[in-house]
Amino acid sequence: MEWTPALGRGVRRVLADLPIIVLVRMRSARVLHRSVPPQPPGTMGKHRHHGDEFAFGAPATWGQPDTVTDTTTRNT
């Protein structure tokens, strides 16, 4: 895990050796960008800096998930 301003140094130290993922909330108006696809061979010019847009408020931009996780717990 990489330290970010949202995670304090104490939290980082406590979680460092545990097999966990930190889940965060993001506002619905947030827009992210996917990874940049590889540039086709023989293409001239400057490469892209951002991939396709992923807007939380626009389901048409979501596409197919890169990864799907299914966790079974005793409560399900």
C-alpha atoms as a PDB file:
ATOM      1  CA  MET A   1       0.000   0.000   0.000  1.00  0.00           C
ATOM      2  CA  GLU A   2       1.231   3.450  -0.846  1.00  0.00           C
ATOM      3  CA  TRP A   3       0.851   6.316   1.617  1.00  0.00           C
ATOM      4  CA  THR A   4      -1.590   9.008   0.596  1.00  0.00           C
ATOM      5  CA  PRO A   5      -2.692  12.125   2.487  1.00  0.00           C
ATOM      6  CA  ALA A   6      -5.971  10.354   3.326  1.00  0.00           C
ATOM      7  CA  LEU A   7      -4.082   7.644   5.231  1.00  0.00           C
ATOM      8  CA  GLY A   8      -2.078   8.725   8.232  1.00  0.00           C
ATOM      9  CA  ARG A   9       1.343   7.266   8.949  1.00  0.00           C
ATOM     10  CA  GLY A  10      -0.015   5.393  11.972  1.00  0.00           C
ATOM     11  CA  VAL A  11      -2.686   3.680   9.865  1.00  0.00           C
ATOM     12  CA  ARG A  12      -0.084   2.754   7.263  1.00  0.00           C
ATOM     13  CA  ARG A  13       2.101   1.128   9.929  1.00  0.00           C
ATOM     14  CA  VAL A  14      -0.807  -0.859  11.397  1.00  0.00           C
ATOM     15  CA  LEU A  15      -2.032  -2.104   8.014  1.00  0.00           C
ATOM     16  CA  ALA A  16       1.372  -2.714   6.396  1.00  0.00           C
ATOM     17  CA  ASP A  17       1.570  -6.486   7.021  1.00  0.00           C
ATOM     18  CA  LEU A  18      -2.141  -7.307   6.757  1.00  0.00           C
ATOM     19  CA  PRO A  19      -3.711  -8.759   3.602  1.00  0.00           C
ATOM     20  CA  ILE A  20      -6.373  -6.073   3.248  1.00  0.00           C
ATOM     21  CA  ILE A  21      -7.564  -3.513   0.737  1.00  0.00           C
ATOM     22  CA  VAL A  22      -8.689  -0.072   1.841  1.00  0.00           C
ATOM     23  CA  LEU A  23     -12.098   0.933   0.522  1.00  0.00           C
ATOM     24  CA  VAL A  24     -12.880   4.629   0.141  1.00  0.00           C
ATOM     25  CA  ARG A  25     -15.897   6.703  -0.857  1.00  0.00           C
ATOM     26  CA  MET A  26     -15.779   9.088  -3.805  1.00  0.00           C
ATOM     27  CA  ARG A  27     -18.310  11.760  -4.705  1.00  0.00           C
ATOM     28  CA  SER A  28     -20.706  10.918  -7.523  1.00  0.00           C
ATOM     29  CA  ALA A  29     -19.540  13.833  -9.704  1.00  0.00           C
ATOM     30  CA  ARG A  30     -15.975  12.476  -9.824  1.00  0.00           C
ATOM     31  CA  VAL A  31     -14.452  11.585 -13.215  1.00  0.00           C
ATOM     32  CA  LEU A  32     -11.476   9.211 -13.562  1.00  0.00           C
ATOM     33  CA  HIS A  33      -9.576   7.955 -16.599  1.00  0.00           C
ATOM     34  CA  ARG A  34      -8.758   4.383 -17.529  1.00  0.00           C
ATOM     35  CA  SER A  35      -5.243   3.249 -18.395  1.00  0.00           C
ATOM     36  CA  VAL A  36      -3.845   4.481 -21.685  1.00  0.00           C
ATOM     37  CA  PRO A  37      -4.085   1.780 -24.361  1.00  0.00           C
ATOM     38  CA  PRO A  38      -0.826   0.919 -26.135  1.00  0.00           C
ATOM     39  CA  GLN A  39      -0.049   3.052 -29.165  1.00  0.00           C
ATOM     40  CA  PRO A  40      -0.400   1.052 -32.397  1.00  0.00           C
ATOM     41  CA  PRO A  41       2.918   0.309 -34.157  1.00  0.00           C
ATOM     42  CA  GLY A  42       3.880   2.884 -36.756  1.00  0.00           C
ATOM     43  CA  THR A  43       1.719   5.608 -35.223  1.00  0.00           C
ATOM     44  CA  MET A  44       3.305   9.033 -35.371  1.00  0.00           C
ATOM     45  CA  GLY A  45       2.796  11.888 -32.967  1.00  0.00           C
ATOM     46  CA  LYS A  46       2.462  12.373 -29.272  1.00  0.00           C
ATOM     47  CA  HIS A  47       1.001   9.523 -27.234  1.00  0.00           C
ATOM     48  CA  ARG A  48      -2.134   9.890 -25.125  1.00  0.00           C
ATOM     49  CA  HIS A  49      -1.745  10.858 -21.472  1.00  0.00           C
ATOM     50  CA  HIS A  50      -5.198   9.696 -20.376  1.00  0.00           C
ATOM     51  CA  GLY A  51      -7.331   6.720 -21.289  1.00  0.00           C
ATOM     52  CA  ASP A  52     -11.072   6.767 -21.773  1.00  0.00           C
ATOM     53  CA  GLU A  53     -13.200   8.670 -19.292  1.00  0.00           C
ATOM     54  CA  PHE A  54     -14.940   6.869 -16.410  1.00  0.00           C
ATOM     55  CA  ALA A  55     -17.622   9.109 -14.885  1.00  0.00           C
ATOM     56  CA  PHE A  56     -19.405   7.833 -11.775  1.00  0.00           C
ATOM     57  CA  GLY A  57     -22.565   9.727 -12.729  1.00  0.00           C
ATOM     58  CA  ALA A  58     -22.680   8.386 -16.311  1.00  0.00           C
ATOM     59  CA  PRO A  59     -23.235   4.586 -16.517  1.00  0.00           C
ATOM     60  CA  ALA A  60     -22.608   4.682 -20.278  1.00  0.00           C
ATOM     61  CA  THR A  61     -18.903   5.362 -19.533  1.00  0.00           C
ATOM     62  CA  TRP A  62     -18.483   2.381 -17.191  1.00  0.00           C
ATOM     63  CA  GLY A  63     -17.952  -0.407 -19.730  1.00  0.00           C
ATOM     64  CA  GLN A  64     -17.103  -3.934 -18.570  1.00  0.00           C
ATOM     65  CA  PRO A  65     -15.266  -4.347 -15.250  1.00  0.00           C
ATOM     66  CA  ASP A  66     -11.549  -5.119 -15.396  1.00  0.00           C
ATOM     67  CA  THR A  67     -11.819  -7.382 -12.351  1.00  0.00           C
ATOM     68  CA  VAL A  68     -14.742  -9.064 -10.598  1.00  0.00           C
ATOM     69  CA  THR A  69     -14.486 -10.224  -6.998  1.00  0.00           C
ATOM     70  CA  ASP A  70     -17.025 -12.455  -5.279  1.00  0.00           C
ATOM     71  CA  THR A  71     -16.602 -12.973  -1.567  1.00  0.00           C
ATOM     72  CA  THR A  72     -18.699 -15.437   0.406  1.00  0.00           C
ATOM     73  CA  THR A  73     -19.122 -14.683   4.081  1.00  0.00           C
ATOM     74  CA  ARG A  74     -21.050 -16.422   6.798  1.00  0.00           C
ATOM     75  CA  ASN A  75     -23.716 -13.688   6.559  1.00  0.00           C
ATOM     76  CA  THR A  76     -24.708 -14.519   2.968  1.00  0.00           C
END
